[in-house]
C-alpha atoms as a PDB file:
ATOM      1  CA  UNK A   1       9.542 111.029  96.326  1.00  0.00           C
ATOM      2  CA  UNK A   2      12.309 111.847  93.837  1.00  0.00           C
ATOM      3  CA  UNK A   3      14.153 113.865  96.443  1.00  0.00           C
ATOM      4  CA  UNK A   4      13.953 110.979  98.899  1.00  0.00           C
ATOM      5  CA  UNK A   5      15.223 108.473  96.324  1.00  0.00           C
ATOM      6  CA  UNK A   6      18.050 110.775  95.258  1.00  0.00           C
ATOM      7  CA  UNK A   7      19.010 111.389  98.888  1.00  0.00           C
ATOM      8  CA  UNK A   8      19.036 107.666  99.615  1.00  0.00           C
ATOM      9  CA  UNK A   9      21.220 107.103  96.585  1.00  0.00           C
ATOM     10  CA  UNK A  10      23.672 109.789  97.604  1.00  0.00           C
ATOM     11  CA  UNK A  11      23.949 108.443 101.120  1.00  0.00           C
ATOM     12  CA  UNK A  12      24.398 104.813 100.113  1.00  0.00           C
ATOM     13  CA  UNK A  13      26.021 104.714  96.700  1.00  0.00           C
ATOM     14  CA  UNK A  14      27.900 107.926  96.025  1.00  0.00           C
ATOM     15  CA  UNK A  15      31.045 107.024  97.994  1.00  0.00           C
ATOM     16  CA  UNK A  16      31.447 103.893  95.893  1.00  0.00           C
ATOM     17  CA  UNK A  17      30.860 105.800  92.634  1.00  0.00           C
ATOM     18  CA  UNK A  18      33.958 107.888  93.219  1.00  0.00           C
ATOM     19  CA  UNK A  19      36.201 104.821  93.327  1.00  0.00           C
ATOM     20  CA  UNK A  20      37.487 103.666  89.970  1.00  0.00           C
ATOM     21  CA  UNK A  21      37.717  99.875  90.052  1.00  0.00           C
ATOM     22  CA  UNK A  22      34.862  97.803  91.497  1.00  0.00           C
ATOM     23  CA  UNK A  23      37.128  94.823  92.217  1.00  0.00           C
ATOM     24  CA  UNK A  24      39.575  97.048  94.122  1.00  0.00           C
ATOM     25  CA  UNK A  25      36.708  98.540  96.105  1.00  0.00           C
ATOM     26  CA  UNK A  26      36.026  95.072  97.469  1.00  0.00           C
ATOM     27  CA  UNK A  27      39.416  94.930  99.124  1.00  0.00           C
ATOM     28  CA  UNK A  28      41.633  91.931  99.404  1.00  0.00           C
ATOM     29  CA  UNK A  29      40.554  88.401  99.928  1.00  0.00           C
ATOM     30  CA  UNK A  30      39.957  85.429  97.751  1.00  0.00           C
ATOM     31  CA  UNK A  31      38.561  85.581  94.252  1.00  0.00           C
ATOM     32  CA  UNK A  32      35.368  84.083  95.632  1.00  0.00           C
ATOM     33  CA  UNK A  33      35.002  86.905  98.159  1.00  0.00           C
ATOM     34  CA  UNK A  34      35.863  89.579  95.602  1.00  0.00           C
ATOM     35  CA  UNK A  35      33.536  88.011  93.035  1.00  0.00           C
ATOM     36  CA  UNK A  36      30.680  87.962  95.531  1.00  0.00           C
ATOM     37  CA  UNK A  37      31.333  91.574  96.523  1.00  0.00           C
ATOM     38  CA  UNK A  38      31.428  92.751  92.891  1.00  0.00           C
ATOM     39  CA  UNK A  39      28.205  90.834  92.163  1.00  0.00           C
ATOM     40  CA  UNK A  40      26.521  92.538  95.131  1.00  0.00           C
ATOM     41  CA  UNK A  41      27.754  95.916  93.905  1.00  0.00           C
ATOM     42  CA  UNK A  42      26.374  95.162  90.445  1.00  0.00           C
ATOM     43  CA  UNK A  43      22.949  94.443  91.913  1.00  0.00           C
ATOM     44  CA  UNK A  44      22.944  97.811  93.682  1.00  0.00           C
ATOM     45  CA  UNK A  45      24.119  99.627  90.561  1.00  0.00           C
ATOM     46  CA  UNK A  46      21.488  97.906  88.394  1.00  0.00           C
ATOM     47  CA  UNK A  47      18.805  98.893  90.925  1.00  0.00           C
ATOM     48  CA  UNK A  48      20.051 102.485  90.814  1.00  0.00           C
ATOM     49  CA  UNK A  49      19.931 102.513  87.003  1.00  0.00           C
ATOM     50  CA  UNK A  50      16.350 101.229  87.163  1.00  0.00           C
ATOM     51  CA  UNK A  51      15.348 103.971  89.615  1.00  0.00           C
ATOM     52  CA  UNK A  52      16.971 106.688  87.544  1.00  0.00           C
ATOM     53  CA  UNK A  53      15.504 105.283  84.347  1.00  0.00           C
ATOM     54  CA  UNK A  54      12.084 105.582  85.977  1.00  0.00           C
ATOM     55  CA  UNK A  55      12.775 109.249  86.756  1.00  0.00           C
ATOM     56  CA  UNK A  56      13.932 109.862  83.190  1.00  0.00           C
ATOM     57  CA  UNK A  57      10.882 108.105  81.709  1.00  0.00           C
ATOM     58  CA  UNK A  58       8.563 110.233  83.819  1.00  0.00           C
ATOM     59  CA  UNK A  59      10.363 113.387  82.704  1.00  0.00           C
ATOM     60  CA  UNK A  60      10.241 112.284  79.075  1.00  0.00           C
ATOM     61  CA  UNK A  61       6.525 111.521  79.379  1.00  0.00           C
ATOM     62  CA  UNK A  62       5.920 114.972  80.866  1.00  0.00           C
ATOM     63  CA  UNK A  63       7.844 116.537  77.992  1.00  0.00           C
ATOM     64  CA  UNK A  64       5.844 114.568  75.432  1.00  0.00           C
ATOM     65  CA  UNK A  65       2.615 115.658  77.120  1.00  0.00           C
ATOM     66  CA  UNK A  66       3.599 119.322  77.235  1.00  0.00           C
ATOM     67  CA  UNK A  67       4.797 119.406  73.627  1.00  0.00           C
ATOM     68  CA  UNK A  68       1.971 117.252  72.288  1.00  0.00           C
ATOM     69  CA  UNK A  69       4.498 114.948  70.647  1.00  0.00           C
ATOM     70  CA  UNK A  70       5.420 111.365  71.324  1.00  0.00           C
ATOM     71  CA  UNK A  71       9.147 111.380  70.716  1.00  0.00           C
ATOM     72  CA  UNK A  72      10.952 111.641  74.043  1.00  0.00           C
ATOM     73  CA  UNK A  73       9.751 108.381  75.626  1.00  0.00           C
ATOM     74  CA  UNK A  74      10.388 106.234  72.525  1.00  0.00           C
ATOM     75  CA  UNK A  75      13.807 107.860  72.088  1.00  0.00           C
ATOM     76  CA  UNK A  76      14.701 107.099  75.717  1.00  0.00           C
ATOM     77  CA  UNK A  77      13.475 103.519  75.386  1.00  0.00           C
ATOM     78  CA  UNK A  78      15.575 103.029  72.248  1.00  0.00           C
ATOM     79  CA  UNK A  79      18.604 104.587  73.924  1.00  0.00           C
ATOM     80  CA  UNK A  80      18.230 102.329  76.959  1.00  0.00           C
ATOM     81  CA  UNK A  81      17.929  99.229  74.784  1.00  0.00           C
ATOM     82  CA  UNK A  82      21.022 100.258  72.810  1.00  0.00           C
ATOM     83  CA  UNK A  83      22.954 100.978  76.009  1.00  0.00           C
ATOM     84  CA  UNK A  84      21.991  97.595  77.454  1.00  0.00           C
ATOM     85  CA  UNK A  85      23.157  95.821  74.302  1.00  0.00           C
ATOM     86  CA  UNK A  86      26.383  97.819  74.295  1.00  0.00           C
ATOM     87  CA  UNK A  87      27.040  97.002  77.957  1.00  0.00           C
ATOM     88  CA  UNK A  88      26.509  93.290  77.382  1.00  0.00           C
ATOM     89  CA  UNK A  89      28.669  93.159  74.262  1.00  0.00           C
ATOM     90  CA  UNK A  90      31.454  95.379  75.566  1.00  0.00           C
ATOM     91  CA  UNK A  91      31.682  93.595  78.893  1.00  0.00           C
ATOM     92  CA  UNK A  92      31.643  90.280  77.035  1.00  0.00           C
ATOM     93  CA  UNK A  93      34.694  91.537  75.173  1.00  0.00           C
ATOM     94  CA  UNK A  94      36.314  92.556  78.464  1.00  0.00           C
ATOM     95  CA  UNK A  95      35.673  89.047  79.755  1.00  0.00           C
ATOM     96  CA  UNK A  96      37.253  87.572  76.625  1.00  0.00           C
ATOM     97  CA  UNK A  97      40.462  89.474  77.375  1.00  0.00           C
ATOM     98  CA  UNK A  98      40.855  87.290  80.471  1.00  0.00           C
ATOM     99  CA  UNK A  99      41.460  84.317  78.200  1.00  0.00           C
ATOM    100  CA  UNK A 100      39.139  82.056  80.154  1.00  0.00           C
ATOM    101  CA  UNK A 101      40.969  82.678  83.416  1.00  0.00           C
ATOM    102  CA  UNK A 102      39.379  82.495  86.827  1.00  0.00           C
ATOM    103  CA  UNK A 103      38.975  86.280  87.058  1.00  0.00           C
ATOM    104  CA  UNK A 104      36.712  86.454  84.011  1.00  0.00           C
ATOM    105  CA  UNK A 105      33.481  86.824  85.973  1.00  0.00           C
ATOM    106  CA  UNK A 106      34.972  89.519  88.173  1.00  0.00           C
ATOM    107  CA  UNK A 107      36.164  91.382  85.083  1.00  0.00           C
ATOM    108  CA  UNK A 108      32.770  91.189  83.386  1.00  0.00           C
ATOM    109  CA  UNK A 109      30.863  92.303  86.469  1.00  0.00           C
ATOM    110  CA  UNK A 110      33.357  95.099  87.192  1.00  0.00           C
ATOM    111  CA  UNK A 111      32.831  96.347  83.638  1.00  0.00           C
ATOM    112  CA  UNK A 112      29.056  96.254  84.136  1.00  0.00           C
ATOM    113  CA  UNK A 113      29.374  98.188  87.390  1.00  0.00           C
ATOM    114  CA  UNK A 114      31.499 100.888  85.773  1.00  0.00           C
ATOM    115  CA  UNK A 115      29.177 101.287  82.788  1.00  0.00           C
ATOM    116  CA  UNK A 116      26.109 101.164  85.025  1.00  0.00           C
ATOM    117  CA  UNK A 117      27.426 103.956  87.219  1.00  0.00           C
ATOM    118  CA  UNK A 118      28.041 106.055  84.150  1.00  0.00           C
ATOM    119  CA  UNK A 119      24.549 105.304  82.796  1.00  0.00           C
ATOM    120  CA  UNK A 120      22.937 106.275  86.106  1.00  0.00           C
ATOM    121  CA  UNK A 121      24.716 109.628  85.995  1.00  0.00           C
ATOM    122  CA  UNK A 122      23.625 110.153  82.377  1.00  0.00           C
ATOM    123  CA  UNK A 123      19.988 109.341  83.182  1.00  0.00           C
ATOM    124  CA  UNK A 124      19.910 111.784  86.094  1.00  0.00           C
ATOM    125  CA  UNK A 125      20.922 114.613  83.780  1.00  0.00           C
ATOM    126  CA  UNK A 126      17.602 114.224  81.994  1.00  0.00           C
ATOM    127  CA  UNK A 127      15.327 113.542  84.982  1.00  0.00           C
ATOM    128  CA  UNK A 128      13.769 116.710  86.293  1.00  0.00           C
END
């Protein structure tokens, strides 16, 4: 199951991970079109983070079971909560740098996409 999920991810999401700026990935067009595209990308990235978090939780649970300790799962849960708070606060700051302009939402969602892609990669390092 993990191999299938990882393969699906690689086939559908990896090309977009390589690109640096989510708004640029959406091509030209109006701010409405770009905003909609970035929002769609964010949904896919958030779904990927959730899948990879599930893999990491299962690996952490296996580690806790093998070692007879209960530290890996709580540590991962705390790390995920801290990451989520960081993402929200940092991307809120990024949005504030737009000074209330019409691109604020695109900037915030682009930030969330970038941080989400990074988080997905981090989680996969610990999923076995």
